[in-house]
Amino acid sequence: MARIYILHSREEDNFVRSLMKNLTDLGHDLILSDFEVGHDINLSLKNAMQSADIQVAIISDNAISSSYFMNEMMQLRNYSVHTNLRKLFIPIFYPNVSFNELPSSIRNIQGIMLNGTTEKDSKTVAREMDIAINSFYGKQIAIEEEEKEVKDKIESTAPEYIQQTLSDLKSKESNMKMYAVVWYTIGFIALLAGVAATIWLSDSGLDNFGEKENWSKTIFFAIKSALIIILLIASSKYSFNLGKSYMNETMKIADRIHAISFGKFYLQVFNKRIEAEELKDIFRDWNISTQSSFLGSKSEEFDPKILEKFSQIIDKIKGTEPK
C-alpha cells in the first residue's frame, strides 16, 4: 500500500503513535524520520519526502507556534504540488486550531478535521486517510495509463514523422540552394554582359560616327546604349536579390533541420521519461522565423526606373547641345 510520512510536533506524539498503528493495520508503510543528533535535519527531511508517496502534517496550535514545523510543512506542501500529482499532501487539523495563523496555501487544501485525540478518533482518521489514499492511487493509475498511451503513440509515430520532416526539409534545402546558385550565376552573367555591352557600344559608336557630327544619331545611340546597360544592370541586381532570398531561405531551413535533429536526439535519449508537454517544448523552435525572405522584398529593389534614367540622360544631352 502507501508509504506515508507524518510531520508533527512532540506534543502530539501519543496521538501520532496511535494513528501510525491504525495505518499499519490497514496495510500502509510508515516512513520514520532519522532526526537524531549529528544528522543533517534538511537531508533527513529530504529523504523522508522522497521516500513517501503520502505527506501528512498534523497541525495543532503547538505545531503552528514552531517556525521549524511551519517551514517543514511548507516544504512538504510545495514538494507535493510540484511533483505533477505524484505525491499527496494531507493536512490533519486539531480541534480548535487557529486557522488564521496558517498560510492561505494550507487553508485552501481540503484536509481532515479531528473531533478529538482518542483511540477512536485516530481510527476514524486512519480510515478517512485510507479512503483518500485509495482515491489518489486510482487517479494515479488513470494518469499513468493516459501517459503510457501518449508515450506509445510518440514511440510509434514520432520517429517516422520526424524522419519524413527531415527528409522534406533537406530536399527543400537542396532545391533552395540550387535556385540561389542559379540566380547568382544569372546575375553575374548579366553584370558581365553589362560591362561588355558598355565597352562594345562605346567602340562601335565611335566607329560609326567617324569625324562627322550627327546629333540625332548621337542621341538615338546614347539612349539605346543607356537602356541596354540599365536593363542589364537591373537584371543583375534582380538576380542577386533573388539569389540572396533563396540563400536566406536555405539558411532558415538548415536551422530548422538542426533544431529537429536535436529534438530527435533528445527523444531517443529520454524517450522513456518524456512527457507530452516536454515534447512540445523540445520541438517548439523547429519552425522559428517562419516569415519568408521573399516577403521583405520591395518593388523598388527591382525597379530599374528606366523612365527616370531616360529623363536624366535627356537632360544631360540637352545640356551639351550648342545654343
C-alpha atoms as a PDB file:
ATOM      1  CA  MET A   1       0.000   0.000   0.000  1.00  0.00           C
ATOM      2  CA  ALA A   2       1.043   3.606   0.566  1.00  0.00           C
ATOM      3  CA  ARG A   3       4.305   4.855   2.032  1.00  0.00           C
ATOM      4  CA  ILE A   4       3.370   7.612   4.498  1.00  0.00           C
ATOM      5  CA  TYR A   5       5.459  10.287   6.205  1.00  0.00           C
ATOM      6  CA  ILE A   6       3.866  12.131   9.147  1.00  0.00           C
ATOM      7  CA  LEU A   7       5.122  15.535  10.252  1.00  0.00           C
ATOM      8  CA  HIS A   8       4.102  16.561  13.779  1.00  0.00           C
ATOM      9  CA  SER A   9       5.279  18.316  16.912  1.00  0.00           C
ATOM     10  CA  ARG A  10       6.402  16.444  20.012  1.00  0.00           C
ATOM     11  CA  GLU A  11       3.215  17.371  21.865  1.00  0.00           C
ATOM     12  CA  GLU A  12       1.198  15.144  19.507  1.00  0.00           C
ATOM     13  CA  ASP A  13       3.400  12.032  19.921  1.00  0.00           C
ATOM     14  CA  ASN A  14       0.742   9.936  21.672  1.00  0.00           C
ATOM     15  CA  PHE A  15      -1.922  10.592  19.043  1.00  0.00           C
ATOM     16  CA  VAL A  16       0.555  10.049  16.197  1.00  0.00           C
ATOM     17  CA  ARG A  17       1.661   6.668  17.638  1.00  0.00           C
ATOM     18  CA  SER A  18      -1.963   5.564  17.743  1.00  0.00           C
ATOM     19  CA  LEU A  19      -2.565   6.826  14.209  1.00  0.00           C
ATOM     20  CA  MET A  20       0.553   5.055  12.908  1.00  0.00           C
ATOM     21  CA  LYS A  21      -0.607   1.772  14.454  1.00  0.00           C
ATOM     22  CA  ASN A  22      -4.028   2.063  12.803  1.00  0.00           C
ATOM     23  CA  LEU A  23      -2.487   2.930   9.436  1.00  0.00           C
ATOM     24  CA  THR A  24      -0.148  -0.052   9.737  1.00  0.00           C
ATOM     25  CA  ASP A  25      -3.142  -2.289  10.461  1.00  0.00           C
ATOM     26  CA  LEU A  26      -4.695  -1.060   7.209  1.00  0.00           C
ATOM     27  CA  GLY A  27      -1.570  -2.216   5.332  1.00  0.00           C
ATOM     28  CA  HIS A  28       0.279   1.078   4.924  1.00  0.00           C
ATOM     29  CA  ASP A  29       4.001   1.627   5.498  1.00  0.00           C
ATOM     30  CA  LEU A  30       5.258   4.476   7.662  1.00  0.00           C
ATOM     31  CA  ILE A  31       8.402   6.417   6.795  1.00  0.00           C
ATOM     32  CA  LEU A  32      10.212   7.341  10.005  1.00  0.00           C
ATOM     33  CA  SER A  33      12.479  10.384  10.044  1.00  0.00           C
ATOM     34  CA  ASP A  34      16.017   9.991  11.355  1.00  0.00           C
ATOM     35  CA  PHE A  35      16.159  13.321  13.172  1.00  0.00           C
ATOM     36  CA  GLU A  36      18.934  12.273  15.516  1.00  0.00           C
ATOM     37  CA  VAL A  37      21.886  14.088  16.990  1.00  0.00           C
ATOM     38  CA  GLY A  38      24.617  14.509  14.416  1.00  0.00           C
ATOM     39  CA  HIS A  39      22.257  14.081  11.433  1.00  0.00           C
ATOM     40  CA  ASP A  40      21.571  16.839   8.923  1.00  0.00           C
ATOM     41  CA  ILE A  41      17.939  17.819   9.520  1.00  0.00           C
ATOM     42  CA  ASN A  42      17.343  19.137   5.986  1.00  0.00           C
ATOM     43  CA  LEU A  43      18.804  15.990   4.449  1.00  0.00           C
ATOM     44  CA  SER A  44      16.657  13.812   6.715  1.00  0.00           C
ATOM     45  CA  LEU A  45      13.528  15.696   5.689  1.00  0.00           C
ATOM     46  CA  LYS A  46      14.505  15.457   2.025  1.00  0.00           C
ATOM     47  CA  ASN A  47      14.972  11.689   2.276  1.00  0.00           C
ATOM     48  CA  ALA A  48      11.609  11.298   4.022  1.00  0.00           C
ATOM     49  CA  MET A  49       9.797  13.421   1.401  1.00  0.00           C
ATOM     50  CA  GLN A  50      11.325  11.488  -1.487  1.00  0.00           C
ATOM     51  CA  SER A  51      10.626   8.081   0.060  1.00  0.00           C
ATOM     52  CA  ALA A  52       6.978   8.721   0.929  1.00  0.00           C
ATOM     53  CA  ASP A  53       4.069   8.876  -1.521  1.00  0.00           C
ATOM     54  CA  ILE A  54       1.766  10.478   1.062  1.00  0.00           C
ATOM     55  CA  GLN A  55       2.864  13.551   3.050  1.00  0.00           C
ATOM     56  CA  VAL A  56       0.870  14.203   6.236  1.00  0.00           C
ATOM     57  CA  ALA A  57       1.073  17.206   8.563  1.00  0.00           C
ATOM     58  CA  ILE A  58      -0.584  17.087  11.998  1.00  0.00           C
ATOM     59  CA  ILE A  59      -1.473  20.745  12.558  1.00  0.00           C
ATOM     60  CA  SER A  60      -2.138  21.968  16.083  1.00  0.00           C
ATOM     61  CA  ASP A  61      -1.642  25.259  17.906  1.00  0.00           C
ATOM     62  CA  ASN A  62       1.571  23.848  19.360  1.00  0.00           C
ATOM     63  CA  ALA A  63       2.812  22.992  15.866  1.00  0.00           C
ATOM     64  CA  ILE A  64       1.859  26.395  14.454  1.00  0.00           C
ATOM     65  CA  SER A  65       3.903  28.129  17.150  1.00  0.00           C
ATOM     66  CA  SER A  66       7.035  26.350  15.891  1.00  0.00           C
ATOM     67  CA  SER A  67       8.711  28.107  12.970  1.00  0.00           C
ATOM     68  CA  TYR A  68      10.641  24.915  12.288  1.00  0.00           C
ATOM     69  CA  PHE A  69       7.386  22.941  11.882  1.00  0.00           C
ATOM     70  CA  MET A  70       5.898  25.629   9.639  1.00  0.00           C
ATOM     71  CA  ASN A  71       8.954  25.613   7.369  1.00  0.00           C
ATOM     72  CA  GLU A  72       8.891  21.826   7.072  1.00  0.00           C
ATOM     73  CA  MET A  73       5.161  21.810   6.395  1.00  0.00           C
ATOM     74  CA  MET A  74       5.532  24.349   3.565  1.00  0.00           C
ATOM     75  CA  GLN A  75       8.322  22.230   2.081  1.00  0.00           C
ATOM     76  CA  LEU A  76       6.044  19.182   2.141  1.00  0.00           C
ATOM     77  CA  ARG A  77       3.189  21.103   0.567  1.00  0.00           C
ATOM     78  CA  ASN A  78       5.326  22.673  -2.173  1.00  0.00           C
ATOM     79  CA  TYR A  79       7.063  19.387  -2.902  1.00  0.00           C
ATOM     80  CA  SER A  80       3.749  17.575  -3.409  1.00  0.00           C
ATOM     81  CA  VAL A  81       2.393  20.382  -5.628  1.00  0.00           C
ATOM     82  CA  HIS A  82       5.419  20.422  -7.931  1.00  0.00           C
ATOM     83  CA  THR A  83       5.597  16.660  -8.494  1.00  0.00           C
ATOM     84  CA  ASN A  84       2.753  16.707 -11.051  1.00  0.00           C
ATOM     85  CA  LEU A  85       0.283  14.998  -8.679  1.00  0.00           C
ATOM     86  CA  ARG A  86       2.658  12.127  -7.917  1.00  0.00           C
ATOM     87  CA  LYS A  87       2.670  12.976  -4.198  1.00  0.00           C
ATOM     88  CA  LEU A  88      -0.353  13.623  -1.972  1.00  0.00           C
ATOM     89  CA  PHE A  89      -0.273  16.149   0.863  1.00  0.00           C
ATOM     90  CA  ILE A  90      -2.903  15.650   3.623  1.00  0.00           C
ATOM     91  CA  PRO A  91      -3.219  18.222   6.429  1.00  0.00           C
ATOM     92  CA  ILE A  92      -4.887  16.960   9.614  1.00  0.00           C
ATOM     93  CA  PHE A  93      -6.247  19.761  11.802  1.00  0.00           C
ATOM     94  CA  TYR A  94      -6.501  19.502  15.568  1.00  0.00           C
ATOM     95  CA  PRO A  95      -9.736  20.677  17.212  1.00  0.00           C
ATOM     96  CA  ASN A  96      -9.973  24.453  17.633  1.00  0.00           C
ATOM     97  CA  VAL A  97      -6.773  25.071  15.692  1.00  0.00           C
ATOM     98  CA  SER A  98      -6.106  28.742  14.862  1.00  0.00           C
ATOM     99  CA  PHE A  99      -6.712  28.763  11.106  1.00  0.00           C
ATOM    100  CA  ASN A 100      -5.911  32.451  10.877  1.00  0.00           C
ATOM    101  CA  GLU A 101      -2.327  31.633  11.788  1.00  0.00           C
ATOM    102  CA  LEU A 102      -1.964  29.293   8.798  1.00  0.00           C
ATOM    103  CA  PRO A 103      -0.807  30.361   5.318  1.00  0.00           C
ATOM    104  CA  SER A 104      -3.573  30.534   2.719  1.00  0.00           C
ATOM    105  CA  SER A 105      -1.868  27.774   0.708  1.00  0.00           C
ATOM    106  CA  ILE A 106      -2.535  25.411   3.622  1.00  0.00           C
ATOM    107  CA  ARG A 107      -6.026  26.692   4.497  1.00  0.00           C
ATOM    108  CA  ASN A 108      -7.137  26.171   0.881  1.00  0.00           C
ATOM    109  CA  ILE A 109      -6.333  22.443   0.976  1.00  0.00           C
ATOM    110  CA  GLN A 110      -9.178  20.097   1.877  1.00  0.00           C
ATOM    111  CA  GLY A 111      -7.878  18.374   4.988  1.00  0.00           C
ATOM    112  CA  ILE A 112      -9.177  16.127   7.764  1.00  0.00           C
ATOM    113  CA  MET A 113     -10.718  17.706  10.881  1.00  0.00           C
ATOM    114  CA  LEU A 114     -10.168  15.964  14.220  1.00  0.00           C
ATOM    115  CA  ASN A 115     -13.028  15.804  16.716  1.00  0.00           C
ATOM    116  CA  GLY A 116     -10.653  14.615  19.423  1.00  0.00           C
ATOM    117  CA  THR A 117      -7.423  12.737  20.073  1.00  0.00           C
ATOM    118  CA  THR A 118      -8.765   9.459  21.448  1.00  0.00           C
ATOM    119  CA  GLU A 119      -8.095   5.986  20.057  1.00  0.00           C
ATOM    120  CA  LYS A 120     -11.483   6.090  18.364  1.00  0.00           C
ATOM    121  CA  ASP A 121     -10.595   9.397  16.698  1.00  0.00           C
ATOM    122  CA  SER A 122      -7.291   8.006  15.407  1.00  0.00           C
ATOM    123  CA  LYS A 123      -9.123   5.005  13.871  1.00  0.00           C
ATOM    124  CA  THR A 124     -11.614   7.350  12.205  1.00  0.00           C
ATOM    125  CA  VAL A 125      -8.786   9.499  10.794  1.00  0.00           C
ATOM    126  CA  ALA A 126      -6.929   6.400   9.606  1.00  0.00           C
ATOM    127  CA  ARG A 127     -10.000   5.227   7.674  1.00  0.00           C
ATOM    128  CA  GLU A 128     -10.509   8.677   6.135  1.00  0.00           C
ATOM    129  CA  MET A 129      -6.860   8.732   5.116  1.00  0.00           C
ATOM    130  CA  ASP A 130      -7.199   5.245   3.651  1.00  0.00           C
ATOM    131  CA  ILE A 131     -10.153   6.388   1.507  1.00  0.00           C
ATOM    132  CA  ALA A 132      -8.242   9.485   0.330  1.00  0.00           C
ATOM    133  CA  ILE A 133      -5.156   7.396  -0.462  1.00  0.00           C
ATOM    134  CA  ASN A 134      -7.130   4.834  -2.482  1.00  0.00           C
ATOM    135  CA  SER A 135      -8.806   7.644  -4.417  1.00  0.00           C
ATOM    136  CA  PHE A 136      -5.402   9.205  -5.042  1.00  0.00           C
ATOM    137  CA  TYR A 137      -3.941   5.934  -6.315  1.00  0.00           C
ATOM    138  CA  GLY A 138      -6.947   5.385  -8.551  1.00  0.00           C
ATOM    139  CA  LYS A 139      -6.360   8.765 -10.182  1.00  0.00           C
ATOM    140  CA  GLN A 140      -2.653   7.941 -10.435  1.00  0.00           C
ATOM    141  CA  ILE A 141      -3.396   4.730 -12.315  1.00  0.00           C
ATOM    142  CA  ALA A 142      -5.653   6.605 -14.748  1.00  0.00           C
ATOM    143  CA  ILE A 143      -2.975   9.267 -15.301  1.00  0.00           C
ATOM    144  CA  GLU A 144      -0.275   6.629 -15.822  1.00  0.00           C
ATOM    145  CA  GLU A 145      -2.428   4.782 -18.346  1.00  0.00           C
ATOM    146  CA  GLU A 146      -3.044   8.002 -20.248  1.00  0.00           C
ATOM    147  CA  GLU A 147       0.672   8.857 -20.149  1.00  0.00           C
ATOM    148  CA  LYS A 148       1.554   5.362 -21.347  1.00  0.00           C
ATOM    149  CA  GLU A 149      -0.897   5.690 -24.231  1.00  0.00           C
ATOM    150  CA  VAL A 150       0.639   9.035 -25.207  1.00  0.00           C
ATOM    151  CA  LYS A 151       4.171   7.635 -24.920  1.00  0.00           C
ATOM    152  CA  ASP A 152       3.244   4.605 -27.035  1.00  0.00           C
ATOM    153  CA  LYS A 153       1.888   6.943 -29.711  1.00  0.00           C
ATOM    154  CA  ILE A 154       5.033   9.061 -29.523  1.00  0.00           C
ATOM    155  CA  GLU A 155       7.255   5.994 -29.827  1.00  0.00           C
ATOM    156  CA  SER A 156       5.318   4.652 -32.805  1.00  0.00           C
ATOM    157  CA  THR A 157       4.620   7.842 -34.758  1.00  0.00           C
ATOM    158  CA  ALA A 158       7.207  10.465 -33.759  1.00  0.00           C
ATOM    159  CA  PRO A 159      10.314   8.839 -35.349  1.00  0.00           C
ATOM    160  CA  GLU A 160       8.513   8.313 -38.662  1.00  0.00           C
ATOM    161  CA  TYR A 161       7.115  11.853 -38.657  1.00  0.00           C
ATOM    162  CA  ILE A 162      10.473  13.381 -37.700  1.00  0.00           C
ATOM    163  CA  GLN A 163      12.304  11.392 -40.368  1.00  0.00           C
ATOM    164  CA  GLN A 164       9.766  12.411 -43.036  1.00  0.00           C
ATOM    165  CA  THR A 165      10.001  16.053 -41.960  1.00  0.00           C
ATOM    166  CA  LEU A 166      13.801  15.979 -42.056  1.00  0.00           C
ATOM    167  CA  SER A 167      13.739  14.364 -45.488  1.00  0.00           C
ATOM    168  CA  ASP A 168      11.335  17.008 -46.838  1.00  0.00           C
ATOM    169  CA  LEU A 169      13.368  19.855 -45.351  1.00  0.00           C
ATOM    170  CA  LYS A 170      16.649  18.505 -46.722  1.00  0.00           C
ATOM    171  CA  SER A 171      15.074  18.182 -50.168  1.00  0.00           C
ATOM    172  CA  LYS A 172      13.717  21.730 -49.915  1.00  0.00           C
ATOM    173  CA  GLU A 173      17.108  22.973 -48.679  1.00  0.00           C
ATOM    174  CA  SER A 174      18.831  21.389 -51.668  1.00  0.00           C
ATOM    175  CA  ASN A 175      16.332  22.968 -54.096  1.00  0.00           C
ATOM    176  CA  MET A 176      16.610  26.399 -52.495  1.00  0.00           C
ATOM    177  CA  LYS A 177      20.401  26.238 -52.609  1.00  0.00           C
ATOM    178  CA  MET A 178      20.270  25.264 -56.292  1.00  0.00           C
ATOM    179  CA  TYR A 179      17.915  28.171 -57.071  1.00  0.00           C
ATOM    180  CA  ALA A 180      20.216  30.551 -55.202  1.00  0.00           C
ATOM    181  CA  VAL A 181      23.243  29.402 -57.196  1.00  0.00           C
ATOM    182  CA  VAL A 182      21.297  29.681 -60.464  1.00  0.00           C
ATOM    183  CA  TRP A 183      20.159  33.242 -59.738  1.00  0.00           C
ATOM    184  CA  TYR A 184      23.615  34.275 -58.530  1.00  0.00           C
ATOM    185  CA  THR A 185      25.041  32.885 -61.777  1.00  0.00           C
ATOM    186  CA  ILE A 186      22.455  34.724 -63.882  1.00  0.00           C
ATOM    187  CA  GLY A 187      23.193  37.932 -62.001  1.00  0.00           C
ATOM    188  CA  PHE A 188      26.933  37.559 -62.521  1.00  0.00           C
ATOM    189  CA  ILE A 189      26.421  36.863 -66.235  1.00  0.00           C
ATOM    190  CA  ALA A 190      24.133  39.901 -66.534  1.00  0.00           C
ATOM    191  CA  LEU A 191      26.751  42.046 -64.799  1.00  0.00           C
ATOM    192  CA  LEU A 192      29.474  40.817 -67.144  1.00  0.00           C
ATOM    193  CA  ALA A 193      27.134  41.416 -70.102  1.00  0.00           C
ATOM    194  CA  GLY A 194      26.558  44.979 -68.903  1.00  0.00           C
ATOM    195  CA  VAL A 195      30.294  45.632 -68.765  1.00  0.00           C
ATOM    196  CA  ALA A 196      30.834  44.006 -72.159  1.00  0.00           C
ATOM    197  CA  ALA A 197      27.895  45.950 -73.655  1.00  0.00           C
ATOM    198  CA  THR A 198      29.317  49.209 -72.340  1.00  0.00           C
ATOM    199  CA  ILE A 199      32.716  48.541 -73.922  1.00  0.00           C
ATOM    200  CA  TRP A 200      31.244  47.284 -77.202  1.00  0.00           C
ATOM    201  CA  LEU A 201      28.739  50.133 -77.577  1.00  0.00           C
ATOM    202  CA  SER A 202      31.430  52.691 -76.866  1.00  0.00           C
ATOM    203  CA  ASP A 203      33.755  51.287 -79.519  1.00  0.00           C
ATOM    204  CA  SER A 204      31.055  50.754 -82.134  1.00  0.00           C
ATOM    205  CA  GLY A 205      29.643  54.222 -81.526  1.00  0.00           C
ATOM    206  CA  LEU A 206      32.960  55.890 -82.198  1.00  0.00           C
ATOM    207  CA  ASP A 207      33.470  53.819 -85.360  1.00  0.00           C
ATOM    208  CA  ASN A 208      30.019  54.706 -86.757  1.00  0.00           C
ATOM    209  CA  PHE A 209      30.276  58.424 -86.195  1.00  0.00           C
ATOM    210  CA  GLY A 210      33.669  58.949 -87.664  1.00  0.00           C
ATOM    211  CA  GLU A 211      34.536  62.631 -87.704  1.00  0.00           C
ATOM    212  CA  LYS A 212      31.148  63.935 -88.801  1.00  0.00           C
ATOM    213  CA  GLU A 213      28.760  65.258 -86.176  1.00  0.00           C
ATOM    214  CA  ASN A 214      25.190  63.903 -86.249  1.00  0.00           C
ATOM    215  CA  TRP A 215      23.271  64.864 -83.121  1.00  0.00           C
ATOM    216  CA  SER A 216      20.125  62.914 -83.960  1.00  0.00           C
ATOM    217  CA  LYS A 217      22.115  59.761 -84.401  1.00  0.00           C
ATOM    218  CA  THR A 218      24.153  60.554 -81.319  1.00  0.00           C
ATOM    219  CA  ILE A 219      21.034  60.986 -79.182  1.00  0.00           C
ATOM    220  CA  PHE A 220      19.450  57.821 -80.547  1.00  0.00           C
ATOM    221  CA  PHE A 221      22.624  55.806 -79.996  1.00  0.00           C
ATOM    222  CA  ALA A 222      23.106  57.196 -76.482  1.00  0.00           C
ATOM    223  CA  ILE A 223      19.533  56.393 -75.480  1.00  0.00           C
ATOM    224  CA  LYS A 224      19.718  52.883 -76.908  1.00  0.00           C
ATOM    225  CA  SER A 225      23.055  52.196 -75.201  1.00  0.00           C
ATOM    226  CA  ALA A 226      21.819  53.560 -71.875  1.00  0.00           C
ATOM    227  CA  LEU A 227      18.656  51.457 -71.974  1.00  0.00           C
ATOM    228  CA  ILE A 228      20.598  48.295 -72.747  1.00  0.00           C
ATOM    229  CA  ILE A 229      23.111  48.924 -69.979  1.00  0.00           C
ATOM    230  CA  ILE A 230      20.399  49.891 -67.453  1.00  0.00           C
ATOM    231  CA  LEU A 231      18.363  46.768 -68.238  1.00  0.00           C
ATOM    232  CA  LEU A 232      21.418  44.544 -67.877  1.00  0.00           C
ATOM    233  CA  ILE A 233      22.384  46.144 -64.567  1.00  0.00           C
ATOM    234  CA  ALA A 234      18.775  45.939 -63.327  1.00  0.00           C
ATOM    235  CA  SER A 235      18.647  42.270 -64.346  1.00  0.00           C
ATOM    236  CA  SER A 236      21.876  41.662 -62.478  1.00  0.00           C
ATOM    237  CA  LYS A 237      20.528  43.361 -59.331  1.00  0.00           C
ATOM    238  CA  TYR A 238      17.242  41.493 -59.610  1.00  0.00           C
ATOM    239  CA  SER A 239      19.070  38.166 -59.931  1.00  0.00           C
ATOM    240  CA  PHE A 240      21.368  38.868 -56.993  1.00  0.00           C
ATOM    241  CA  ASN A 241      18.421  39.845 -54.779  1.00  0.00           C
ATOM    242  CA  LEU A 242      16.553  36.684 -55.707  1.00  0.00           C
ATOM    243  CA  GLY A 243      19.676  34.629 -55.076  1.00  0.00           C
ATOM    244  CA  LYS A 244      20.046  36.275 -51.667  1.00  0.00           C
ATOM    245  CA  SER A 245      16.406  35.488 -50.789  1.00  0.00           C
ATOM    246  CA  TYR A 246      16.797  31.851 -51.775  1.00  0.00           C
ATOM    247  CA  MET A 247      20.041  31.601 -49.785  1.00  0.00           C
ATOM    248  CA  ASN A 248      18.350  33.103 -46.707  1.00  0.00           C
ATOM    249  CA  GLU A 249      15.596  30.518 -47.017  1.00  0.00           C
ATOM    250  CA  THR A 250      18.274  27.827 -47.265  1.00  0.00           C
ATOM    251  CA  MET A 251      19.877  29.020 -44.016  1.00  0.00           C
ATOM    252  CA  LYS A 252      16.496  29.060 -42.243  1.00  0.00           C
ATOM    253  CA  ILE A 253      15.805  25.509 -43.365  1.00  0.00           C
ATOM    254  CA  ALA A 254      19.264  24.470 -42.127  1.00  0.00           C
ATOM    255  CA  ASP A 255      18.424  25.967 -38.697  1.00  0.00           C
ATOM    256  CA  ARG A 256      15.149  24.032 -38.637  1.00  0.00           C
ATOM    257  CA  ILE A 257      16.931  20.813 -39.542  1.00  0.00           C
ATOM    258  CA  HIS A 258      19.381  21.424 -36.688  1.00  0.00           C
ATOM    259  CA  ALA A 259      16.526  22.077 -34.215  1.00  0.00           C
ATOM    260  CA  ILE A 260      14.643  18.942 -35.280  1.00  0.00           C
ATOM    261  CA  SER A 261      17.832  16.842 -35.183  1.00  0.00           C
ATOM    262  CA  PHE A 262      18.487  17.984 -31.605  1.00  0.00           C
ATOM    263  CA  GLY A 263      14.886  17.164 -30.682  1.00  0.00           C
ATOM    264  CA  LYS A 264      15.284  13.747 -32.288  1.00  0.00           C
ATOM    265  CA  PHE A 265      18.434  13.127 -30.232  1.00  0.00           C
ATOM    266  CA  TYR A 266      16.660  14.224 -27.017  1.00  0.00           C
ATOM    267  CA  LEU A 267      13.709  11.979 -27.823  1.00  0.00           C
ATOM    268  CA  GLN A 268      15.980   8.976 -28.346  1.00  0.00           C
ATOM    269  CA  VAL A 269      17.905   9.539 -25.098  1.00  0.00           C
ATOM    270  CA  PHE A 270      14.985  10.381 -22.779  1.00  0.00           C
ATOM    271  CA  ASN A 271      12.213   8.520 -24.563  1.00  0.00           C
ATOM    272  CA  LYS A 272      11.062   6.581 -21.504  1.00  0.00           C
ATOM    273  CA  ARG A 273      10.718   9.659 -19.287  1.00  0.00           C
ATOM    274  CA  ILE A 274       9.459  12.246 -21.741  1.00  0.00           C
ATOM    275  CA  GLU A 275       6.054  13.892 -21.302  1.00  0.00           C
ATOM    276  CA  ALA A 276       3.663  15.260 -23.937  1.00  0.00           C
ATOM    277  CA  GLU A 277       4.246  18.861 -22.785  1.00  0.00           C
ATOM    278  CA  GLU A 278       8.006  18.309 -22.896  1.00  0.00           C
ATOM    279  CA  LEU A 279       7.681  17.106 -26.481  1.00  0.00           C
ATOM    280  CA  LYS A 280       6.118  20.452 -27.445  1.00  0.00           C
ATOM    281  CA  ASP A 281       8.960  22.327 -25.768  1.00  0.00           C
ATOM    282  CA  ILE A 282      11.608  20.199 -27.456  1.00  0.00           C
ATOM    283  CA  PHE A 283      10.340  20.902 -30.975  1.00  0.00           C
ATOM    284  CA  ARG A 284       8.938  24.412 -30.438  1.00  0.00           C
ATOM    285  CA  ASP A 285      11.914  26.100 -32.165  1.00  0.00           C
ATOM    286  CA  TRP A 286      11.877  23.963 -35.302  1.00  0.00           C
ATOM    287  CA  ASN A 287       9.638  26.405 -37.175  1.00  0.00           C
ATOM    288  CA  ILE A 288      11.260  29.593 -35.880  1.00  0.00           C
ATOM    289  CA  SER A 289      11.488  32.598 -38.231  1.00  0.00           C
ATOM    290  CA  THR A 290       8.595  31.471 -40.386  1.00  0.00           C
ATOM    291  CA  GLN A 291       8.473  34.766 -42.314  1.00  0.00           C
ATOM    292  CA  SER A 292       9.694  34.208 -45.841  1.00  0.00           C
ATOM    293  CA  SER A 293      12.649  36.209 -47.107  1.00  0.00           C
ATOM    294  CA  PHE A 294      10.635  36.987 -50.236  1.00  0.00           C
ATOM    295  CA  LEU A 295       8.003  38.870 -48.236  1.00  0.00           C
ATOM    296  CA  GLY A 296      10.513  41.547 -47.225  1.00  0.00           C
ATOM    297  CA  SER A 297      11.400  42.364 -50.818  1.00  0.00           C
ATOM    298  CA  LYS A 298      10.115  45.683 -52.140  1.00  0.00           C
ATOM    299  CA  SER A 299       9.330  46.573 -55.716  1.00  0.00           C
ATOM    300  CA  GLU A 300      11.802  49.470 -55.521  1.00  0.00           C
ATOM    301  CA  GLU A 301      14.628  46.961 -55.194  1.00  0.00           C
ATOM    302  CA  PHE A 302      13.884  45.525 -58.647  1.00  0.00           C
ATOM    303  CA  ASP A 303      12.503  48.565 -60.499  1.00  0.00           C
ATOM    304  CA  PRO A 304      15.254  49.830 -62.858  1.00  0.00           C
ATOM    305  CA  LYS A 305      13.428  53.200 -63.084  1.00  0.00           C
ATOM    306  CA  ILE A 306      14.027  53.419 -66.804  1.00  0.00           C
ATOM    307  CA  LEU A 307      11.893  56.499 -67.317  1.00  0.00           C
ATOM    308  CA  GLU A 308      13.749  58.347 -64.582  1.00  0.00           C
ATOM    309  CA  LYS A 309      17.115  57.366 -66.026  1.00  0.00           C
ATOM    310  CA  PHE A 310      15.926  58.237 -69.512  1.00  0.00           C
ATOM    311  CA  SER A 311      14.843  61.689 -68.342  1.00  0.00           C
ATOM    312  CA  GLN A 312      18.221  62.256 -66.714  1.00  0.00           C
ATOM    313  CA  ILE A 313      20.026  61.277 -69.922  1.00  0.00           C
ATOM    314  CA  ILE A 314      17.883  63.646 -71.996  1.00  0.00           C
ATOM    315  CA  ASP A 315      18.578  66.484 -69.589  1.00  0.00           C
ATOM    316  CA  LYS A 316      22.295  65.854 -69.765  1.00  0.00           C
ATOM    317  CA  ILE A 317      22.227  65.658 -73.555  1.00  0.00           C
ATOM    318  CA  LYS A 318      20.250  68.882 -73.767  1.00  0.00           C
ATOM    319  CA  GLY A 319      22.822  70.489 -71.572  1.00  0.00           C
ATOM    320  CA  THR A 320      25.563  69.613 -74.099  1.00  0.00           C
ATOM    321  CA  GLU A 321      23.694  70.901 -77.159  1.00  0.00           C
ATOM    322  CA  PRO A 322      25.068  74.159 -78.718  1.00  0.00           C
ATOM    323  CA  LYS A 323      22.825  77.156 -78.172  1.00  0.00           C
END
